[in-house]
Amino acid sequence: MLKALFSSSARVQILSLFLLNPDTKFYQREIETITGLAIRSIQRETENLEALGVIHKSTEANKVYFQSNRSHTLFPELRSMLLKAIGLKVVLGDAQEADNGIKAAFIHGPFAAERERPTDPIAIFVVGDVSKQELQARAEEVKSSIGREITCYVRTPQSFRSRVQLGYGFVANVLAGPKLFLIGDKRTLRSLATGAWERKVPLKRERAAEVFEWWNIP
């Protein structure tokens, strides 16, 4: 099944479009405009994906539309795999270097909560000594192939720790919300904010209680 899904770059590109926009219906000429793929490739790959059950088609006003099949057993896993692949492409690029200055990275917001709307970007939060300009440049490259905006919020470890100490509203909300980790995990973030935790500087925002509950890892 997985081999069949990922055996064609055109298929992966079309599958990405459907998985990132599961509630949107597309007709083939529309897919051609978004992806830049040849219409014959699109016709072949939508037929293959429909045969595999990951998309289904419907007819409206004499037009044939295709849409993600949310009820497919592998839908959650495929979506998660795709988001992680996109996130790592933005964060690490092609090099996938081990020593790249990034301590933690994760997707947050509507995509992590699985409540995205058609206009929501894929939001990536990065803690590390890395250039935001480089990340955003890679995000623009990836965006062109998936039809979704990608935003990057980057902070050095020192800046991240400071914002946790001060109860910075945006960071507090992100930490209290769902996350899809690309690099590191929950414990990594706690380690990065240890200075704030040890001094127990009170958070002044209304989400403070939730943030402190989040840090209380067994």
C-alpha atoms as a PDB file:
ATOM      1  CA  MET A   1       0.000   0.000   0.000  1.00  0.00           C
ATOM      2  CA  LEU A   2       2.681   2.547   1.036  1.00  0.00           C
ATOM      3  CA  LYS A   3       4.892   1.567  -1.899  1.00  0.00           C
ATOM      4  CA  ALA A   4       1.959   2.152  -4.235  1.00  0.00           C
ATOM      5  CA  LEU A   5       1.266   5.534  -2.662  1.00  0.00           C
ATOM      6  CA  PHE A   6       4.805   6.868  -2.877  1.00  0.00           C
ATOM      7  CA  SER A   7       6.054   5.270  -6.085  1.00  0.00           C
ATOM      8  CA  SER A   8       5.511   8.432  -8.167  1.00  0.00           C
ATOM      9  CA  SER A   9       6.582  12.020  -7.456  1.00  0.00           C
ATOM     10  CA  ALA A  10       3.469  13.296  -9.252  1.00  0.00           C
ATOM     11  CA  ARG A  11       1.317  11.054  -7.059  1.00  0.00           C
ATOM     12  CA  VAL A  12       2.977  12.371  -3.903  1.00  0.00           C
ATOM     13  CA  GLN A  13       2.419  15.973  -5.023  1.00  0.00           C
ATOM     14  CA  ILE A  14      -1.262  15.358  -5.763  1.00  0.00           C
ATOM     15  CA  LEU A  15      -1.717  13.350  -2.554  1.00  0.00           C
ATOM     16  CA  SER A  16      -0.156  16.238  -0.619  1.00  0.00           C
ATOM     17  CA  LEU A  17      -2.705  18.640  -2.072  1.00  0.00           C
ATOM     18  CA  PHE A  18      -5.586  16.421  -0.952  1.00  0.00           C
ATOM     19  CA  LEU A  19      -4.209  15.633   2.519  1.00  0.00           C
ATOM     20  CA  LEU A  20      -3.515  19.293   3.302  1.00  0.00           C
ATOM     21  CA  ASN A  21      -6.949  20.349   2.065  1.00  0.00           C
ATOM     22  CA  PRO A  22      -9.151  17.426   3.135  1.00  0.00           C
ATOM     23  CA  ASP A  23     -12.410  19.366   3.047  1.00  0.00           C
ATOM     24  CA  THR A  24     -11.849  20.871  -0.404  1.00  0.00           C
ATOM     25  CA  LYS A  25     -13.031  19.331  -3.656  1.00  0.00           C
ATOM     26  CA  PHE A  26     -10.780  19.678  -6.721  1.00  0.00           C
ATOM     27  CA  TYR A  27     -11.404  19.045 -10.386  1.00  0.00           C
ATOM     28  CA  GLN A  28      -8.512  17.954 -12.596  1.00  0.00           C
ATOM     29  CA  ARG A  29      -7.899  21.252 -14.403  1.00  0.00           C
ATOM     30  CA  GLU A  30      -7.795  22.965 -11.009  1.00  0.00           C
ATOM     31  CA  ILE A  31      -5.161  20.480  -9.827  1.00  0.00           C
ATOM     32  CA  GLU A  32      -3.212  21.235 -13.012  1.00  0.00           C
ATOM     33  CA  THR A  33      -3.234  24.963 -12.229  1.00  0.00           C
ATOM     34  CA  ILE A  34      -2.137  24.464  -8.609  1.00  0.00           C
ATOM     35  CA  THR A  35       0.557  21.831  -9.135  1.00  0.00           C
ATOM     36  CA  GLY A  36       1.803  22.623 -12.630  1.00  0.00           C
ATOM     37  CA  LEU A  37       1.619  18.918 -13.516  1.00  0.00           C
ATOM     38  CA  ALA A  38       0.553  17.692 -16.947  1.00  0.00           C
ATOM     39  CA  ILE A  39      -3.137  16.861 -17.210  1.00  0.00           C
ATOM     40  CA  ARG A  40      -2.388  13.285 -18.313  1.00  0.00           C
ATOM     41  CA  SER A  41      -0.356  12.702 -15.161  1.00  0.00           C
ATOM     42  CA  ILE A  42      -3.172  14.137 -13.071  1.00  0.00           C
ATOM     43  CA  GLN A  43      -5.756  11.924 -14.753  1.00  0.00           C
ATOM     44  CA  ARG A  44      -3.607   8.847 -14.198  1.00  0.00           C
ATOM     45  CA  GLU A  45      -2.710   9.617 -10.577  1.00  0.00           C
ATOM     46  CA  THR A  46      -6.205  10.613  -9.443  1.00  0.00           C
ATOM     47  CA  GLU A  47      -7.402   7.310 -10.892  1.00  0.00           C
ATOM     48  CA  ASN A  48      -4.665   5.463  -8.967  1.00  0.00           C
ATOM     49  CA  LEU A  49      -5.400   7.285  -5.713  1.00  0.00           C
ATOM     50  CA  GLU A  50      -9.111   6.610  -6.074  1.00  0.00           C
ATOM     51  CA  ALA A  51      -8.385   2.913  -6.649  1.00  0.00           C
ATOM     52  CA  LEU A  52      -6.341   2.891  -3.429  1.00  0.00           C
ATOM     53  CA  GLY A  53      -9.291   4.444  -1.592  1.00  0.00           C
ATOM     54  CA  VAL A  54      -7.500   7.536  -0.268  1.00  0.00           C
ATOM     55  CA  ILE A  55      -9.620   9.910  -2.376  1.00  0.00           C
ATOM     56  CA  HIS A  56     -13.145   9.648  -3.755  1.00  0.00           C
ATOM     57  CA  LYS A  57     -14.915  11.412  -6.587  1.00  0.00           C
ATOM     58  CA  SER A  58     -18.293  13.022  -7.081  1.00  0.00           C
ATOM     59  CA  THR A  59     -20.076  14.797  -9.930  1.00  0.00           C
ATOM     60  CA  GLU A  60     -21.596  18.247  -9.620  1.00  0.00           C
ATOM     61  CA  ALA A  61     -22.941  20.352 -12.497  1.00  0.00           C
ATOM     62  CA  ASN A  62     -21.298  18.042 -15.040  1.00  0.00           C
ATOM     63  CA  LYS A  63     -17.894  18.387 -13.365  1.00  0.00           C
ATOM     64  CA  VAL A  64     -16.031  15.523 -11.707  1.00  0.00           C
ATOM     65  CA  TYR A  65     -14.510  16.473  -8.352  1.00  0.00           C
ATOM     66  CA  PHE A  66     -12.011  14.616  -6.161  1.00  0.00           C
ATOM     67  CA  GLN A  67     -11.614  14.896  -2.390  1.00  0.00           C
ATOM     68  CA  SER A  68      -9.718  13.239   0.458  1.00  0.00           C
ATOM     69  CA  ASN A  69     -11.342  10.212   2.020  1.00  0.00           C
ATOM     70  CA  ARG A  70     -11.160  11.062   5.730  1.00  0.00           C
ATOM     71  CA  SER A  71     -12.627   7.677   6.650  1.00  0.00           C
ATOM     72  CA  HIS A  72      -9.673   5.785   5.152  1.00  0.00           C
ATOM     73  CA  THR A  73      -7.788   3.835   7.833  1.00  0.00           C
ATOM     74  CA  LEU A  74      -4.442   5.437   6.950  1.00  0.00           C
ATOM     75  CA  PHE A  75      -5.682   9.020   6.623  1.00  0.00           C
ATOM     76  CA  PRO A  76      -4.417  10.261  10.043  1.00  0.00           C
ATOM     77  CA  GLU A  77      -1.032   8.559   9.623  1.00  0.00           C
ATOM     78  CA  LEU A  78      -0.555   9.759   6.040  1.00  0.00           C
ATOM     79  CA  ARG A  79      -1.440  13.299   7.025  1.00  0.00           C
ATOM     80  CA  SER A  80       0.953  13.237   9.991  1.00  0.00           C
ATOM     81  CA  MET A  81       3.760  11.789   7.852  1.00  0.00           C
ATOM     82  CA  LEU A  82       3.222  14.452   5.216  1.00  0.00           C
ATOM     83  CA  LEU A  83       3.209  17.322   7.723  1.00  0.00           C
ATOM     84  CA  LYS A  84       6.419  16.042   9.318  1.00  0.00           C
ATOM     85  CA  ALA A  85       8.075  15.687   5.903  1.00  0.00           C
ATOM     86  CA  ILE A  86       7.071  19.251   4.979  1.00  0.00           C
ATOM     87  CA  GLY A  87       8.209  20.614   8.338  1.00  0.00           C
ATOM     88  CA  LEU A  88      11.595  18.875   8.177  1.00  0.00           C
ATOM     89  CA  LYS A  89      12.099  20.078   4.601  1.00  0.00           C
ATOM     90  CA  VAL A  90      11.608  23.655   5.805  1.00  0.00           C
ATOM     91  CA  VAL A  91      13.592  23.321   9.027  1.00  0.00           C
ATOM     92  CA  LEU A  92      16.516  21.235   7.760  1.00  0.00           C
ATOM     93  CA  GLY A  93      16.447  21.582   3.968  1.00  0.00           C
ATOM     94  CA  ASP A  94      18.064  18.862   1.879  1.00  0.00           C
ATOM     95  CA  ALA A  95      21.154  18.499   4.079  1.00  0.00           C
ATOM     96  CA  GLN A  96      19.343  17.014   7.116  1.00  0.00           C
ATOM     97  CA  GLU A  97      22.423  17.941   9.152  1.00  0.00           C
ATOM     98  CA  ALA A  98      22.646  16.716  12.720  1.00  0.00           C
ATOM     99  CA  ASP A  99      24.463  19.835  14.002  1.00  0.00           C
ATOM    100  CA  ASN A 100      22.368  22.639  12.589  1.00  0.00           C
ATOM    101  CA  GLY A 101      21.809  24.807  15.650  1.00  0.00           C
ATOM    102  CA  ILE A 102      18.155  23.800  16.051  1.00  0.00           C
ATOM    103  CA  LYS A 103      17.207  22.524  19.504  1.00  0.00           C
ATOM    104  CA  ALA A 104      13.479  22.014  18.996  1.00  0.00           C
ATOM    105  CA  ALA A 105      10.938  22.444  16.209  1.00  0.00           C
ATOM    106  CA  PHE A 106       7.261  21.614  15.931  1.00  0.00           C
ATOM    107  CA  ILE A 107       4.095  22.382  14.001  1.00  0.00           C
ATOM    108  CA  HIS A 108       1.459  24.180  16.064  1.00  0.00           C
ATOM    109  CA  GLY A 109      -1.874  25.868  15.544  1.00  0.00           C
ATOM    110  CA  PRO A 110      -4.795  24.577  13.451  1.00  0.00           C
ATOM    111  CA  PHE A 111      -2.796  21.872  11.635  1.00  0.00           C
ATOM    112  CA  ALA A 112      -1.513  20.397  14.906  1.00  0.00           C
ATOM    113  CA  ALA A 113      -5.055  20.535  16.297  1.00  0.00           C
ATOM    114  CA  GLU A 114      -6.487  19.004  13.086  1.00  0.00           C
ATOM    115  CA  ARG A 115      -8.898  21.928  12.776  1.00  0.00           C
ATOM    116  CA  GLU A 116      -7.376  23.751   9.818  1.00  0.00           C
ATOM    117  CA  ARG A 117      -9.402  25.875   7.438  1.00  0.00           C
ATOM    118  CA  PRO A 118      -8.596  26.427   3.751  1.00  0.00           C
ATOM    119  CA  THR A 119      -6.842  29.725   4.525  1.00  0.00           C
ATOM    120  CA  ASP A 120      -4.808  28.569   7.545  1.00  0.00           C
ATOM    121  CA  PRO A 121      -1.014  28.361   7.082  1.00  0.00           C
ATOM    122  CA  ILE A 122       1.185  25.533   8.325  1.00  0.00           C
ATOM    123  CA  ALA A 123       2.755  27.194  11.384  1.00  0.00           C
ATOM    124  CA  ILE A 124       6.228  26.063  12.475  1.00  0.00           C
ATOM    125  CA  PHE A 125       7.828  27.065  15.804  1.00  0.00           C
ATOM    126  CA  VAL A 126      11.629  26.760  15.983  1.00  0.00           C
ATOM    127  CA  VAL A 127      13.996  27.177  18.939  1.00  0.00           C
ATOM    128  CA  GLY A 128      17.636  27.444  17.933  1.00  0.00           C
ATOM    129  CA  ASP A 129      20.438  29.519  16.498  1.00  0.00           C
ATOM    130  CA  VAL A 130      19.249  29.563  12.916  1.00  0.00           C
ATOM    131  CA  SER A 131      18.356  32.207  10.341  1.00  0.00           C
ATOM    132  CA  LYS A 132      14.628  32.903  10.045  1.00  0.00           C
ATOM    133  CA  GLN A 133      15.282  34.235   6.537  1.00  0.00           C
ATOM    134  CA  GLU A 134      16.739  30.879   5.448  1.00  0.00           C
ATOM    135  CA  LEU A 135      13.805  28.979   6.896  1.00  0.00           C
ATOM    136  CA  GLN A 136      11.259  31.296   5.316  1.00  0.00           C
ATOM    137  CA  ALA A 137      13.035  31.040   1.949  1.00  0.00           C
ATOM    138  CA  ARG A 138      12.760  27.233   2.096  1.00  0.00           C
ATOM    139  CA  ALA A 139       9.144  27.597   3.197  1.00  0.00           C
ATOM    140  CA  GLU A 140       8.414  29.625   0.049  1.00  0.00           C
ATOM    141  CA  GLU A 141       9.926  26.866  -2.106  1.00  0.00           C
ATOM    142  CA  VAL A 142       7.847  24.160  -0.430  1.00  0.00           C
ATOM    143  CA  LYS A 143       4.705  26.313  -0.550  1.00  0.00           C
ATOM    144  CA  SER A 144       4.749  26.384  -4.340  1.00  0.00           C
ATOM    145  CA  SER A 145       4.351  22.602  -4.519  1.00  0.00           C
ATOM    146  CA  ILE A 146       1.691  22.113  -1.832  1.00  0.00           C
ATOM    147  CA  GLY A 147      -0.562  25.149  -2.288  1.00  0.00           C
ATOM    148  CA  ARG A 148      -0.373  26.173   1.390  1.00  0.00           C
ATOM    149  CA  GLU A 149       1.253  29.113   3.142  1.00  0.00           C
ATOM    150  CA  ILE A 150       3.958  28.197   5.665  1.00  0.00           C
ATOM    151  CA  THR A 151       4.963  30.523   8.501  1.00  0.00           C
ATOM    152  CA  CYS A 152       8.037  30.206  10.721  1.00  0.00           C
ATOM    153  CA  TYR A 153       8.396  31.625  14.225  1.00  0.00           C
ATOM    154  CA  VAL A 154      12.068  31.448  15.266  1.00  0.00           C
ATOM    155  CA  ARG A 155      13.634  32.196  18.645  1.00  0.00           C
ATOM    156  CA  THR A 156      17.090  31.567  20.064  1.00  0.00           C
ATOM    157  CA  PRO A 157      17.166  29.396  23.210  1.00  0.00           C
ATOM    158  CA  GLN A 158      17.858  32.514  25.288  1.00  0.00           C
ATOM    159  CA  SER A 159      14.960  34.427  23.749  1.00  0.00           C
ATOM    160  CA  PHE A 160      12.627  31.446  24.167  1.00  0.00           C
ATOM    161  CA  ARG A 161      13.546  31.143  27.853  1.00  0.00           C
ATOM    162  CA  SER A 162      13.019  34.857  28.383  1.00  0.00           C
ATOM    163  CA  ARG A 163       9.565  34.744  26.814  1.00  0.00           C
ATOM    164  CA  VAL A 164       8.549  31.822  29.000  1.00  0.00           C
ATOM    165  CA  GLN A 165       9.735  33.775  32.063  1.00  0.00           C
ATOM    166  CA  LEU A 166       7.708  36.831  31.110  1.00  0.00           C
ATOM    167  CA  GLY A 167       4.607  34.884  30.216  1.00  0.00           C
ATOM    168  CA  TYR A 168       4.736  36.182  26.654  1.00  0.00           C
ATOM    169  CA  GLY A 169       1.177  35.653  25.400  1.00  0.00           C
ATOM    170  CA  PHE A 170       1.891  34.046  22.030  1.00  0.00           C
ATOM    171  CA  VAL A 171       4.478  31.605  23.419  1.00  0.00           C
ATOM    172  CA  ALA A 172       2.205  30.740  26.364  1.00  0.00           C
ATOM    173  CA  ASN A 173      -0.654  29.933  23.998  1.00  0.00           C
ATOM    174  CA  VAL A 174       1.572  27.818  21.769  1.00  0.00           C
ATOM    175  CA  LEU A 175       2.974  25.833  24.702  1.00  0.00           C
ATOM    176  CA  ALA A 176      -0.526  25.191  26.019  1.00  0.00           C
ATOM    177  CA  GLY A 177      -1.781  23.998  22.642  1.00  0.00           C
ATOM    178  CA  PRO A 178      -1.283  20.830  20.571  1.00  0.00           C
ATOM    179  CA  LYS A 179       2.048  20.253  18.846  1.00  0.00           C
ATOM    180  CA  LEU A 180       3.407  17.939  16.164  1.00  0.00           C
ATOM    181  CA  PHE A 181       7.114  17.611  16.949  1.00  0.00           C
ATOM    182  CA  LEU A 182       9.707  17.652  14.164  1.00  0.00           C
ATOM    183  CA  ILE A 183      12.843  17.924  16.320  1.00  0.00           C
ATOM    184  CA  GLY A 184      12.928  17.226  20.057  1.00  0.00           C
ATOM    185  CA  ASP A 185       9.898  16.641  22.229  1.00  0.00           C
ATOM    186  CA  LYS A 186       8.019  17.999  25.225  1.00  0.00           C
ATOM    187  CA  ARG A 187      10.926  17.307  27.549  1.00  0.00           C
ATOM    188  CA  THR A 188      13.300  19.120  25.225  1.00  0.00           C
ATOM    189  CA  LEU A 189      11.188  22.273  25.520  1.00  0.00           C
ATOM    190  CA  ARG A 190      11.092  21.948  29.290  1.00  0.00           C
ATOM    191  CA  SER A 191      14.880  21.647  29.320  1.00  0.00           C
ATOM    192  CA  LEU A 192      15.208  24.759  27.172  1.00  0.00           C
ATOM    193  CA  ALA A 193      13.015  26.685  29.624  1.00  0.00           C
ATOM    194  CA  THR A 194      14.651  25.297  32.783  1.00  0.00           C
ATOM    195  CA  GLY A 195      15.838  28.717  33.872  1.00  0.00           C
ATOM    196  CA  ALA A 196      12.257  29.953  34.069  1.00  0.00           C
ATOM    197  CA  TRP A 197      11.121  26.778  35.787  1.00  0.00           C
ATOM    198  CA  GLU A 198      13.824  26.816  38.478  1.00  0.00           C
ATOM    199  CA  ARG A 199      13.256  30.474  39.379  1.00  0.00           C
ATOM    200  CA  LYS A 200       9.501  29.990  39.216  1.00  0.00           C
ATOM    201  CA  VAL A 201       8.951  33.407  37.688  1.00  0.00           C
ATOM    202  CA  PRO A 202       5.153  33.816  37.641  1.00  0.00           C
ATOM    203  CA  LEU A 203       3.445  34.020  34.275  1.00  0.00           C
ATOM    204  CA  LYS A 204       1.213  37.057  34.072  1.00  0.00           C
ATOM    205  CA  ARG A 205      -1.097  36.027  31.252  1.00  0.00           C
ATOM    206  CA  GLU A 206      -4.479  34.352  31.635  1.00  0.00           C
ATOM    207  CA  ARG A 207      -3.121  31.106  30.184  1.00  0.00           C
ATOM    208  CA  ALA A 208      -0.486  30.869  32.954  1.00  0.00           C
ATOM    209  CA  ALA A 209      -2.204  28.014  34.790  1.00  0.00           C
ATOM    210  CA  GLU A 210      -2.367  25.924  31.648  1.00  0.00           C
ATOM    211  CA  VAL A 211       1.291  26.583  30.840  1.00  0.00           C
ATOM    212  CA  PHE A 212       2.439  25.559  34.309  1.00  0.00           C
ATOM    213  CA  GLU A 213       0.309  22.406  34.072  1.00  0.00           C
ATOM    214  CA  TRP A 214       2.007  21.742  30.707  1.00  0.00           C
ATOM    215  CA  TRP A 215       5.484  21.989  32.309  1.00  0.00           C
ATOM    216  CA  ASN A 216       4.558  19.544  35.079  1.00  0.00           C
ATOM    217  CA  ILE A 217       5.871  16.459  33.316  1.00  0.00           C
ATOM    218  CA  PRO A 218       6.209  13.293  35.432  1.00  0.00           C
END
